Amino acid sequence: MERSSAMSEQVEPATPPDAAIEAERAARRRRARTGQAERGPWQRISFRRGLIEGAIIYAAWRLVVLAPITFWPGALFPAVLLILLALHFLPPIWASLRVVATRREKMSRRFFALAARLALTCTLIDAALALVAGDPAQPFGGPAYGPDLARFFASGPHAHPLSVGSFLLAEIATAGFLLAYFLIATICTRLAQGGFLRFTMPAGDGRVTL
């Protein structure tokens, strides 16, 4: 009897330490509070990374839209237009969805700052690409007149010169459009993600939050 009891004590699985259990519980509570996924595209990320990802999406749109129309097969061109449209308007929505936020948090100063900084970053990207690669033609894209940096010094009957003032005015208009749209898109995304209305009923124990 003593030998069997000793053997049963030896084969009993070792219980994990209390510290590990508490750490796992704390991680679960944190994920439940912030809505943070463990992995995948819906994993919540930091403010800086959300800003970087939004800027990368805008830069991808700005580069792809410079491709000439003849570059795309005719059968795929409608799908390309839809993809370009999505890339153009996706940066603030993507960044707002990805940045860590509590489930009850709808809007805060950091989300307004995210929209403003993302708009400024995208404006700088647009200005840099305009100088070295040019502006896209409207409305279907493709190169317009070549790099703006070369147009500053262009001359001749077939040239398309550009003054520094006109370049700055165009970038200011781009910055205003991006700032207005990014703010609206961020607000709408945050409200839709957290619920437009939130109220609790009934009062007292057993109440339910909608």
Foldseek 3Di string as FASTA:
>chain_A
DVVVVVVVVVPDDDDDDPVVVVVVVVVVVVCLFFVADPDDLQGADALVVLLVVLLVLLLVLQVVLQADPVVDDPVCLVVVQVVSVCSNQPSLLSSLSRHTDTLQDQDDPSSLVSQLVSLVSSLVSNLVCLQQFNGFDPDRTHHDQGRLVVLCPDDDDPHDHDHPVNSVVVSVVSSVVSSVSSVVSSNVSSCVSNDVDWDWDDPDPPIDID
